[in-house]
PDB file of N, CA and C in Angstrom:
ATOM      1  N   UNK A   1     106.024 109.460 113.362  1.00  0.00           N
ATOM      2  CA  UNK A   1     105.072 109.328 114.732  1.00  0.00           C
ATOM      3  C   UNK A   1     104.055 109.272 113.293  1.00  0.00           C
ATOM      4  N   UNK A   2     102.617 108.112 112.740  1.00  0.00           N
ATOM      5  CA  UNK A   2     102.544 108.404 111.483  1.00  0.00           C
ATOM      6  C   UNK A   2     101.710 109.370 111.795  1.00  0.00           C
ATOM      7  N   UNK A   3     100.851 110.229 110.520  1.00  0.00           N
ATOM      8  CA  UNK A   3     100.474 111.213 110.499  1.00  0.00           C
ATOM      9  C   UNK A   3      98.788 110.358 110.880  1.00  0.00           C
ATOM     10  N   UNK A   4      98.315 111.757 111.298  1.00  0.00           N
ATOM     11  CA  UNK A   4      96.748 110.903 111.667  1.00  0.00           C
ATOM     12  C   UNK A   4      95.852 111.233 110.629  1.00  0.00           C
ATOM     13  N   UNK A   5      94.592 111.703 110.746  1.00  0.00           N
ATOM     14  CA  UNK A   5      94.166 111.564 109.185  1.00  0.00           C
ATOM     15  C   UNK A   5      93.498 112.767 108.908  1.00  0.00           C
ATOM     16  N   UNK A   6      93.459 113.797 110.329  1.00  0.00           N
ATOM     17  CA  UNK A   6      93.263 115.081 110.051  1.00  0.00           C
ATOM     18  C   UNK A   6      94.498 115.290 109.477  1.00  0.00           C
ATOM     19  N   UNK A   7      95.782 115.108 109.614  1.00  0.00           N
ATOM     20  CA  UNK A   7      97.119 115.466 109.072  1.00  0.00           C
ATOM     21  C   UNK A   7      97.449 114.885 107.131  1.00  0.00           C
ATOM     22  N   UNK A   8      97.134 113.640 107.097  1.00  0.00           N
ATOM     23  CA  UNK A   8      96.766 113.003 105.770  1.00  0.00           C
ATOM     24  C   UNK A   8      95.963 114.416 104.685  1.00  0.00           C
ATOM     25  N   UNK A   9      94.650 114.377 105.123  1.00  0.00           N
ATOM     26  CA  UNK A   9      93.878 114.959 104.106  1.00  0.00           C
ATOM     27  C   UNK A   9      94.483 116.434 103.835  1.00  0.00           C
ATOM     28  N   UNK A  10      95.109 117.107 104.687  1.00  0.00           N
ATOM     29  CA  UNK A  10      95.814 118.478 104.441  1.00  0.00           C
ATOM     30  C   UNK A  10      96.796 117.818 103.417  1.00  0.00           C
ATOM     31  N   UNK A  11      97.662 116.937 103.569  1.00  0.00           N
ATOM     32  CA  UNK A  11      98.173 117.215 102.944  1.00  0.00           C
ATOM     33  C   UNK A  11      98.003 117.014 101.450  1.00  0.00           C
ATOM     34  N   UNK A  12      96.880 115.718 101.371  1.00  0.00           N
ATOM     35  CA  UNK A  12      96.865 115.604 100.352  1.00  0.00           C
ATOM     36  C   UNK A  12      96.227 116.476  99.284  1.00  0.00           C
ATOM     37  N   UNK A  13      95.205 117.453  99.973  1.00  0.00           N
ATOM     38  CA  UNK A  13      95.402 119.057  99.801  1.00  0.00           C
ATOM     39  C   UNK A  13      96.051 120.055  99.326  1.00  0.00           C
ATOM     40  N   UNK A  14      96.819 119.432  99.827  1.00  0.00           N
ATOM     41  CA  UNK A  14      98.652 121.283  98.933  1.00  0.00           C
ATOM     42  C   UNK A  14      98.697 119.251  97.310  1.00  0.00           C
ATOM     43  N   UNK A  15      98.763 118.905  98.206  1.00  0.00           N
ATOM     44  CA  UNK A  15     100.064 116.942  97.296  1.00  0.00           C
ATOM     45  C   UNK A  15      99.276 117.877  95.774  1.00  0.00           C
ATOM     46  N   UNK A  16      97.740 118.420  95.549  1.00  0.00           N
ATOM     47  CA  UNK A  16      96.946 118.221  94.253  1.00  0.00           C
ATOM     48  C   UNK A  16      97.449 118.970  93.457  1.00  0.00           C
ATOM     49  N   UNK A  17      97.594 120.624  93.619  1.00  0.00           N
ATOM     50  CA  UNK A  17      98.547 120.867  92.055  1.00  0.00           C
ATOM     51  C   UNK A  17      99.750 120.724  92.437  1.00  0.00           C
ATOM     52  N   UNK A  18     100.722 119.415  93.350  1.00  0.00           N
ATOM     53  CA  UNK A  18     101.496 119.640  92.100  1.00  0.00           C
ATOM     54  C   UNK A  18     101.913 118.263  90.941  1.00  0.00           C
ATOM     55  N   UNK A  19     102.986 118.994  90.186  1.00  0.00           N
ATOM     56  CA  UNK A  19     103.788 117.733  89.365  1.00  0.00           C
ATOM     57  C   UNK A  19     104.333 116.270  90.291  1.00  0.00           C
ATOM     58  N   UNK A  20     104.398 115.183  89.430  1.00  0.00           N
ATOM     59  CA  UNK A  20     105.659 114.833  90.319  1.00  0.00           C
ATOM     60  C   UNK A  20     107.181 115.159  88.866  1.00  0.00           C
ATOM     61  N   UNK A  21     107.926 114.977  90.664  1.00  0.00           N
ATOM     62  CA  UNK A  21     108.709 114.916  90.337  1.00  0.00           C
ATOM     63  C   UNK A  21     109.762 113.722  89.776  1.00  0.00           C
ATOM     64  N   UNK A  22     109.623 113.342  90.030  1.00  0.00           N
ATOM     65  CA  UNK A  22     110.111 111.686  89.692  1.00  0.00           C
ATOM     66  C   UNK A  22     109.646 110.682  89.808  1.00  0.00           C
ATOM     67  N   UNK A  23     110.131 109.634  88.444  1.00  0.00           N
ATOM     68  CA  UNK A  23     109.501 109.165  88.370  1.00  0.00           C
ATOM     69  C   UNK A  23     110.014 107.446  87.994  1.00  0.00           C
ATOM     70  N   UNK A  24     109.423 106.904  88.177  1.00  0.00           N
ATOM     71  CA  UNK A  24     109.897 105.345  88.753  1.00  0.00           C
ATOM     72  C   UNK A  24     110.052 104.989  87.254  1.00  0.00           C
ATOM     73  N   UNK A  25     111.331 104.690  86.401  1.00  0.00           N
ATOM     74  CA  UNK A  25     110.380 103.293  85.070  1.00  0.00           C
ATOM     75  C   UNK A  25     111.396 102.792  85.024  1.00  0.00           C
ATOM     76  N   UNK A  26     111.959 102.043  83.988  1.00  0.00           N
ATOM     77  CA  UNK A  26     111.326 100.143  83.417  1.00  0.00           C
ATOM     78  C   UNK A  26     112.848  99.898  84.347  1.00  0.00           C
ATOM     79  N   UNK A  27     113.689 100.180  84.658  1.00  0.00           N
ATOM     80  CA  UNK A  27     115.085  99.383  85.519  1.00  0.00           C
ATOM     81  C   UNK A  27     114.442  99.883  86.989  1.00  0.00           C
ATOM     82  N   UNK A  28     113.154 100.163  87.356  1.00  0.00           N
ATOM     83  CA  UNK A  28     112.154 100.410  88.928  1.00  0.00           C
ATOM     84  C   UNK A  28     112.859 100.892  89.885  1.00  0.00           C
ATOM     85  N   UNK A  29     112.666 100.336  90.804  1.00  0.00           N
ATOM     86  CA  UNK A  29     114.044 101.136  91.759  1.00  0.00           C
ATOM     87  C   UNK A  29     115.318 100.612  92.041  1.00  0.00           C
ATOM     88  N   UNK A  30     115.660 102.513  92.020  1.00  0.00           N
ATOM     89  CA  UNK A  30     117.709 101.737  92.270  1.00  0.00           C
ATOM     90  C   UNK A  30     117.583 102.801  93.696  1.00  0.00           C
ATOM     91  N   UNK A  31     119.015 102.100  93.969  1.00  0.00           N
ATOM     92  CA  UNK A  31     119.687 103.414  94.585  1.00  0.00           C
ATOM     93  C   UNK A  31     119.755 104.954  94.022  1.00  0.00           C
ATOM     94  N   UNK A  32     120.157 104.680  92.595  1.00  0.00           N
ATOM     95  CA  UNK A  32     120.363 106.479  92.472  1.00  0.00           C
ATOM     96  C   UNK A  32     118.903 107.038  92.349  1.00  0.00           C
ATOM     97  N   UNK A  33     117.571 106.066  91.824  1.00  0.00           N
ATOM     98  CA  UNK A  33     115.522 106.678  92.715  1.00  0.00           C
ATOM     99  C   UNK A  33     116.025 106.775  94.033  1.00  0.00           C
ATOM    100  N   UNK A  34     116.339 106.205  94.513  1.00  0.00           N
ATOM    101  CA  UNK A  34     115.784 106.320  96.184  1.00  0.00           C
ATOM    102  C   UNK A  34     116.675 107.578  96.494  1.00  0.00           C
ATOM    103  N   UNK A  35     117.725 108.437  96.279  1.00  0.00           N
ATOM    104  CA  UNK A  35     118.652 108.803  96.730  1.00  0.00           C
ATOM    105  C   UNK A  35     117.593 110.454  95.538  1.00  0.00           C
ATOM    106  N   UNK A  36     117.783 110.229  94.647  1.00  0.00           N
ATOM    107  CA  UNK A  36     116.652 111.514  94.063  1.00  0.00           C
ATOM    108  C   UNK A  36     115.385 111.651  95.358  1.00  0.00           C
ATOM    109  N   UNK A  37     115.234 110.814  95.805  1.00  0.00           N
ATOM    110  CA  UNK A  37     113.762 110.807  96.096  1.00  0.00           C
ATOM    111  C   UNK A  37     114.448 111.682  97.669  1.00  0.00           C
ATOM    112  N   UNK A  38     115.020 111.123  98.074  1.00  0.00           N
ATOM    113  CA  UNK A  38     115.467 111.733  99.180  1.00  0.00           C
ATOM    114  C   UNK A  38     115.438 113.164  98.898  1.00  0.00           C
ATOM    115  N   UNK A  39     116.334 113.599  98.270  1.00  0.00           N
ATOM    116  CA  UNK A  39     116.990 115.112  97.797  1.00  0.00           C
ATOM    117  C   UNK A  39     115.791 115.609  97.451  1.00  0.00           C
ATOM    118  N   UNK A  40     113.977 115.775  96.756  1.00  0.00           N
ATOM    119  CA  UNK A  40     113.078 115.900  96.758  1.00  0.00           C
ATOM    120  C   UNK A  40     113.103 116.248  98.095  1.00  0.00           C
ATOM    121  N   UNK A  41     112.780 114.633  98.939  1.00  0.00           N
ATOM    122  CA  UNK A  41     111.816 115.122 100.217  1.00  0.00           C
ATOM    123  C   UNK A  41     112.265 116.560 101.273  1.00  0.00           C
ATOM    124  N   UNK A  42     114.417 116.753 101.411  1.00  0.00           N
ATOM    125  CA  UNK A  42     114.326 118.020 101.787  1.00  0.00           C
ATOM    126  C   UNK A  42     114.225 118.806 101.225  1.00  0.00           C
ATOM    127  N   UNK A  43     114.169 118.704 100.041  1.00  0.00           N
ATOM    128  CA  UNK A  43     113.812 120.229  99.186  1.00  0.00           C
ATOM    129  C   UNK A  43     112.590 120.748  99.386  1.00  0.00           C
ATOM    130  N   UNK A  44     111.667 119.696  99.658  1.00  0.00           N
ATOM    131  CA  UNK A  44     109.985 120.316  99.634  1.00  0.00           C
ATOM    132  C   UNK A  44     109.474 119.404 100.450  1.00  0.00           C
ATOM    133  N   UNK A  45     109.182 118.201 100.900  1.00  0.00           N
ATOM    134  CA  UNK A  45     108.512 117.837 102.090  1.00  0.00           C
ATOM    135  C   UNK A  45     107.851 117.189 101.481  1.00  0.00           C
ATOM    136  N   UNK A  46     106.752 117.365 100.363  1.00  0.00           N
ATOM    137  CA  UNK A  46     105.833 117.412  99.802  1.00  0.00           C
ATOM    138  C   UNK A  46     106.060 117.228  98.325  1.00  0.00           C
ATOM    139  N   UNK A  47     106.403 115.652  97.944  1.00  0.00           N
ATOM    140  CA  UNK A  47     106.533 114.950  96.081  1.00  0.00           C
ATOM    141  C   UNK A  47     105.858 113.484  96.411  1.00  0.00           C
ATOM    142  N   UNK A  48     104.813 114.402  94.704  1.00  0.00           N
ATOM    143  CA  UNK A  48     104.801 113.270  94.256  1.00  0.00           C
ATOM    144  C   UNK A  48     106.058 112.324  93.173  1.00  0.00           C
ATOM    145  N   UNK A  49     105.509 111.367  92.898  1.00  0.00           N
ATOM    146  CA  UNK A  49     106.645 110.734  92.258  1.00  0.00           C
ATOM    147  C   UNK A  49     105.081 109.159  91.901  1.00  0.00           C
ATOM    148  N   UNK A  50     105.472 109.782  89.827  1.00  0.00           N
ATOM    149  CA  UNK A  50     105.005 108.565  89.344  1.00  0.00           C
ATOM    150  C   UNK A  50     105.546 107.744  88.963  1.00  0.00           C
ATOM    151  N   UNK A  51     104.757 105.955  89.117  1.00  0.00           N
ATOM    152  CA  UNK A  51     105.144 104.667  88.747  1.00  0.00           C
ATOM    153  C   UNK A  51     104.581 104.643  87.342  1.00  0.00           C
ATOM    154  N   UNK A  52     105.101 104.760  85.498  1.00  0.00           N
ATOM    155  CA  UNK A  52     105.494 104.216  84.697  1.00  0.00           C
ATOM    156  C   UNK A  52     104.987 103.443  84.499  1.00  0.00           C
ATOM    157  N   UNK A  53     104.491 103.377  83.130  1.00  0.00           N
ATOM    158  CA  UNK A  53     103.778 101.835  82.736  1.00  0.00           C
ATOM    159  C   UNK A  53     104.797 100.941  83.251  1.00  0.00           C
ATOM    160  N   UNK A  54     105.641 101.438  81.822  1.00  0.00           N
ATOM    161  CA  UNK A  54     106.859  99.958  82.294  1.00  0.00           C
ATOM    162  C   UNK A  54     108.235 100.000  82.751  1.00  0.00           C
ATOM    163  N   UNK A  55     107.621 100.054  83.758  1.00  0.00           N
ATOM    164  CA  UNK A  55     108.035 100.651  85.285  1.00  0.00           C
ATOM    165  C   UNK A  55     107.820  98.332  85.864  1.00  0.00           C
ATOM    166  N   UNK A  56     109.243  98.303  86.519  1.00  0.00           N
ATOM    167  CA  UNK A  56     108.785  96.893  86.971  1.00  0.00           C
ATOM    168  C   UNK A  56     108.188  96.434  88.569  1.00  0.00           C
ATOM    169  N   UNK A  57     107.731  97.680  89.013  1.00  0.00           N
ATOM    170  CA  UNK A  57     107.137  97.124  90.095  1.00  0.00           C
ATOM    171  C   UNK A  57     105.621  97.715  90.142  1.00  0.00           C
ATOM    172  N   UNK A  58     104.663  97.126  90.382  1.00  0.00           N
ATOM    173  CA  UNK A  58     103.452  98.219  90.804  1.00  0.00           C
ATOM    174  C   UNK A  58     103.759  98.979  91.418  1.00  0.00           C
ATOM    175  N   UNK A  59     102.646 100.276  91.245  1.00  0.00           N
ATOM    176  CA  UNK A  59     102.047 101.546  92.433  1.00  0.00           C
ATOM    177  C   UNK A  59     102.386 100.771  93.471  1.00  0.00           C
ATOM    178  N   UNK A  60     101.666  99.631  93.808  1.00  0.00           N
ATOM    179  CA  UNK A  60     101.154  99.661  95.316  1.00  0.00           C
ATOM    180  C   UNK A  60     102.030  99.130  95.978  1.00  0.00           C
ATOM    181  N   UNK A  61     103.399  98.199  95.011  1.00  0.00           N
ATOM    182  CA  UNK A  61     104.554  98.285  95.866  1.00  0.00           C
ATOM    183  C   UNK A  61     105.350  98.958  95.371  1.00  0.00           C
ATOM    184  N   UNK A  62     105.741  99.952  95.190  1.00  0.00           N
ATOM    185  CA  UNK A  62     106.320 101.352  94.512  1.00  0.00           C
ATOM    186  C   UNK A  62     106.061 101.608  95.704  1.00  0.00           C
ATOM    187  N   UNK A  63     104.983 102.421  96.003  1.00  0.00           N
ATOM    188  CA  UNK A  63     104.522 103.187  97.345  1.00  0.00           C
ATOM    189  C   UNK A  63     105.143 102.736  98.553  1.00  0.00           C
ATOM    190  N   UNK A  64     105.229 101.783  99.194  1.00  0.00           N
ATOM    191  CA  UNK A  64     105.061 101.424 100.280  1.00  0.00           C
ATOM    192  C   UNK A  64     106.956 100.898 100.181  1.00  0.00           C
ATOM    193  N   UNK A  65     107.229 100.454  99.387  1.00  0.00           N
ATOM    194  CA  UNK A  65     108.215 100.528  99.287  1.00  0.00           C
ATOM    195  C   UNK A  65     109.189 101.612  99.041  1.00  0.00           C
ATOM    196  N   UNK A  66     109.593 102.375  98.649  1.00  0.00           N
ATOM    197  CA  UNK A  66     109.564 103.835  98.448  1.00  0.00           C
ATOM    198  C   UNK A  66     109.910 104.994 100.131  1.00  0.00           C
ATOM    199  N   UNK A  67     108.781 104.739 100.200  1.00  0.00           N
ATOM    200  CA  UNK A  67     108.550 104.997 102.038  1.00  0.00           C
ATOM    201  C   UNK A  67     109.355 104.338 102.950  1.00  0.00           C
ATOM    202  N   UNK A  68     109.207 102.979 103.486  1.00  0.00           N
ATOM    203  CA  UNK A  68     109.512 102.577 103.484  1.00  0.00           C
ATOM    204  C   UNK A  68     112.221 102.955 103.450  1.00  0.00           C
ATOM    205  N   UNK A  69     112.790 103.616 101.853  1.00  0.00           N
ATOM    206  CA  UNK A  69     113.840 103.964 102.469  1.00  0.00           C
ATOM    207  C   UNK A  69     113.705 105.475 101.732  1.00  0.00           C
ATOM    208  N   UNK A  70     112.798 105.430 102.204  1.00  0.00           N
ATOM    209  CA  UNK A  70     113.275 106.893 102.522  1.00  0.00           C
ATOM    210  C   UNK A  70     112.605 107.822 103.413  1.00  0.00           C
ATOM    211  N   UNK A  71     111.870 107.009 104.336  1.00  0.00           N
ATOM    212  CA  UNK A  71     112.272 107.222 106.420  1.00  0.00           C
ATOM    213  C   UNK A  71     110.624 108.213 105.498  1.00  0.00           C
ATOM    214  N   UNK A  72     110.044 107.930 105.143  1.00  0.00           N
ATOM    215  CA  UNK A  72     109.628 109.038 104.776  1.00  0.00           C
ATOM    216  C   UNK A  72     107.674 109.043 104.185  1.00  0.00           C
ATOM    217  N   UNK A  73     106.940 109.608 104.639  1.00  0.00           N
ATOM    218  CA  UNK A  73     105.062 109.016 105.256  1.00  0.00           C
ATOM    219  C   UNK A  73     104.570 108.910 103.685  1.00  0.00           C
ATOM    220  N   UNK A  74     104.282 107.942 103.601  1.00  0.00           N
ATOM    221  CA  UNK A  74     102.481 107.331 102.663  1.00  0.00           C
ATOM    222  C   UNK A  74     101.046 108.552 102.058  1.00  0.00           C
ATOM    223  N   UNK A  75     101.247 109.248 102.066  1.00  0.00           N
ATOM    224  CA  UNK A  75      99.726 109.847 101.844  1.00  0.00           C
ATOM    225  C   UNK A  75      99.319 109.207 101.891  1.00  0.00           C
ATOM    226  N   UNK A  76      98.579 109.344 100.357  1.00  0.00           N
ATOM    227  CA  UNK A  76      98.219 108.451  99.328  1.00  0.00           C
ATOM    228  C   UNK A  76      98.473 107.780  97.973  1.00  0.00           C
ATOM    229  N   UNK A  77      98.094 107.269  97.279  1.00  0.00           N
ATOM    230  CA  UNK A  77      97.771 106.331  96.110  1.00  0.00           C
ATOM    231  C   UNK A  77      97.238 106.663  95.553  1.00  0.00           C
ATOM    232  N   UNK A  78      96.990 107.357  94.404  1.00  0.00           N
ATOM    233  CA  UNK A  78      96.365 107.233  92.668  1.00  0.00           C
ATOM    234  C   UNK A  78      96.413 107.308  91.690  1.00  0.00           C
ATOM    235  N   UNK A  79      95.928 105.764  91.944  1.00  0.00           N
ATOM    236  CA  UNK A  79      96.851 105.362  90.434  1.00  0.00           C
ATOM    237  C   UNK A  79      97.799 105.162  90.082  1.00  0.00           C
ATOM    238  N   UNK A  80      98.571 105.497  89.352  1.00  0.00           N
ATOM    239  CA  UNK A  80     100.308 104.766  89.369  1.00  0.00           C
ATOM    240  C   UNK A  80     100.806 106.827  89.684  1.00  0.00           C
ATOM    241  N   UNK A  81     100.174 107.739  91.002  1.00  0.00           N
ATOM    242  CA  UNK A  81     100.748 108.110  91.575  1.00  0.00           C
ATOM    243  C   UNK A  81     100.748 108.732  92.693  1.00  0.00           C
ATOM    244  N   UNK A  82     102.027 108.178  93.499  1.00  0.00           N
ATOM    245  CA  UNK A  82     102.370 107.932  94.984  1.00  0.00           C
ATOM    246  C   UNK A  82     103.507 109.193  95.495  1.00  0.00           C
ATOM    247  N   UNK A  83     101.870 110.259  96.799  1.00  0.00           N
ATOM    248  CA  UNK A  83     102.465 110.901  97.155  1.00  0.00           C
ATOM    249  C   UNK A  83     103.391 110.828  98.315  1.00  0.00           C
ATOM    250  N   UNK A  84     104.327 111.224  98.997  1.00  0.00           N
ATOM    251  CA  UNK A  84     105.301 110.938 100.394  1.00  0.00           C
ATOM    252  C   UNK A  84     105.541 112.237 100.706  1.00  0.00           C
ATOM    253  N   UNK A  85     105.574 112.190 102.645  1.00  0.00           N
ATOM    254  CA  UNK A  85     105.701 113.341 103.342  1.00  0.00           C
ATOM    255  C   UNK A  85     107.033 113.288 103.644  1.00  0.00           C
ATOM    256  N   UNK A  86     107.963 113.697 103.944  1.00  0.00           N
ATOM    257  CA  UNK A  86     108.771 113.804 105.182  1.00  0.00           C
ATOM    258  C   UNK A  86     109.000 114.960 105.555  1.00  0.00           C
ATOM    259  N   UNK A  87     108.731 115.356 106.721  1.00  0.00           N
ATOM    260  CA  UNK A  87     109.460 116.249 107.520  1.00  0.00           C
ATOM    261  C   UNK A  87     111.174 116.415 107.676  1.00  0.00           C
ATOM    262  N   UNK A  88     111.307 117.935 106.828  1.00  0.00           N
ATOM    263  CA  UNK A  88     112.392 118.727 106.901  1.00  0.00           C
ATOM    264  C   UNK A  88     113.445 118.276 108.427  1.00  0.00           C
ATOM    265  N   UNK A  89     114.132 117.685 109.020  1.00  0.00           N
ATOM    266  CA  UNK A  89     114.682 117.841 110.383  1.00  0.00           C
ATOM    267  C   UNK A  89     115.248 119.287 110.748  1.00  0.00           C
ATOM    268  N   UNK A  90     115.754 120.760 110.459  1.00  0.00           N
ATOM    269  CA  UNK A  90     115.196 121.873 110.948  1.00  0.00           C
ATOM    270  C   UNK A  90     114.695 122.928 110.513  1.00  0.00           C
ATOM    271  N   UNK A  91     114.139 122.974 109.127  1.00  0.00           N
ATOM    272  CA  UNK A  91     113.685 124.191 109.037  1.00  0.00           C
ATOM    273  C   UNK A  91     112.281 123.590 107.867  1.00  0.00           C
ATOM    274  N   UNK A  92     111.005 123.092 108.897  1.00  0.00           N
ATOM    275  CA  UNK A  92     110.092 122.953 108.375  1.00  0.00           C
ATOM    276  C   UNK A  92     108.586 123.817 107.456  1.00  0.00           C
ATOM    277  N   UNK A  93     108.881 123.298 106.055  1.00  0.00           N
ATOM    278  CA  UNK A  93     108.172 124.297 105.395  1.00  0.00           C
ATOM    279  C   UNK A  93     105.942 124.304 105.622  1.00  0.00           C
ATOM    280  N   UNK A  94     106.195 122.590 105.570  1.00  0.00           N
ATOM    281  CA  UNK A  94     104.221 122.528 106.008  1.00  0.00           C
ATOM    282  C   UNK A  94     104.462 122.722 107.964  1.00  0.00           C
ATOM    283  N   UNK A  95     103.274 123.429 108.283  1.00  0.00           N
ATOM    284  CA  UNK A  95     102.557 123.121 109.274  1.00  0.00           C
ATOM    285  C   UNK A  95     101.296 122.304 108.864  1.00  0.00           C
ATOM    286  N   UNK A  96     102.157 121.807 110.508  1.00  0.00           N
ATOM    287  CA  UNK A  96      99.965 120.350 109.806  1.00  0.00           C
ATOM    288  C   UNK A  96      99.697 120.317 111.139  1.00  0.00           C
ATOM    289  N   UNK A  97      98.501 120.462 110.749  1.00  0.00           N
ATOM    290  CA  UNK A  97      97.310 120.666 111.968  1.00  0.00           C
ATOM    291  C   UNK A  97      97.715 119.685 113.131  1.00  0.00           C
ATOM    292  N   UNK A  98      97.440 120.479 113.968  1.00  0.00           N
ATOM    293  CA  UNK A  98      97.794 119.513 115.544  1.00  0.00           C
ATOM    294  C   UNK A  98      96.863 118.872 115.631  1.00  0.00           C
ATOM    295  N   UNK A  99      97.117 117.759 116.131  1.00  0.00           N
ATOM    296  CA  UNK A  99      95.834 115.883 116.736  1.00  0.00           C
ATOM    297  C   UNK A  99      95.501 116.868 118.126  1.00  0.00           C
ATOM    298  N   UNK A 100      94.519 116.825 118.477  1.00  0.00           N
ATOM    299  CA  UNK A 100      94.211 116.974 119.346  1.00  0.00           C
ATOM    300  C   UNK A 100      94.686 115.979 120.115  1.00  0.00           C
ATOM    301  N   UNK A 101      94.064 116.741 121.692  1.00  0.00           N
ATOM    302  CA  UNK A 101      95.292 116.204 122.630  1.00  0.00           C
ATOM    303  C   UNK A 101      94.432 114.787 123.766  1.00  0.00           C
ATOM    304  N   UNK A 102      95.174 114.182 124.191  1.00  0.00           N
ATOM    305  CA  UNK A 102      94.137 113.104 124.502  1.00  0.00           C
ATOM    306  C   UNK A 102      93.410 113.134 125.838  1.00  0.00           C
ATOM    307  N   UNK A 103      92.509 113.559 126.210  1.00  0.00           N
ATOM    308  CA  UNK A 103      91.944 113.959 127.234  1.00  0.00           C
ATOM    309  C   UNK A 103      91.741 112.869 129.074  1.00  0.00           C
ATOM    310  N   UNK A 104      92.033 113.059 129.134  1.00  0.00           N
ATOM    311  CA  UNK A 104      92.067 112.353 130.551  1.00  0.00           C
ATOM    312  C   UNK A 104      92.954 112.366 132.125  1.00  0.00           C
TER     313      UNK A 104
END
């Protein structure tokens, strides 16, 4: 289920103080890089990824490709930094704000 605007804003505020844990370098997006991001998402749920200037992919391309290949939500793209979120299946650490139930 996609994130609501309220949830996305909440995650952005949590990500503000984080440092990037993975970097996309001159080899671009490889299977090893995707696996590393998956591991970090399992460990932290919310991570920052930096796309270095010598990378072969543009930050916008990298953001979409990484979110899709890691089955995570793209929270934010800010310059060369991408924020990704994926809820832990068994032990979620981050409690997202609930969306308002539909009235009807």
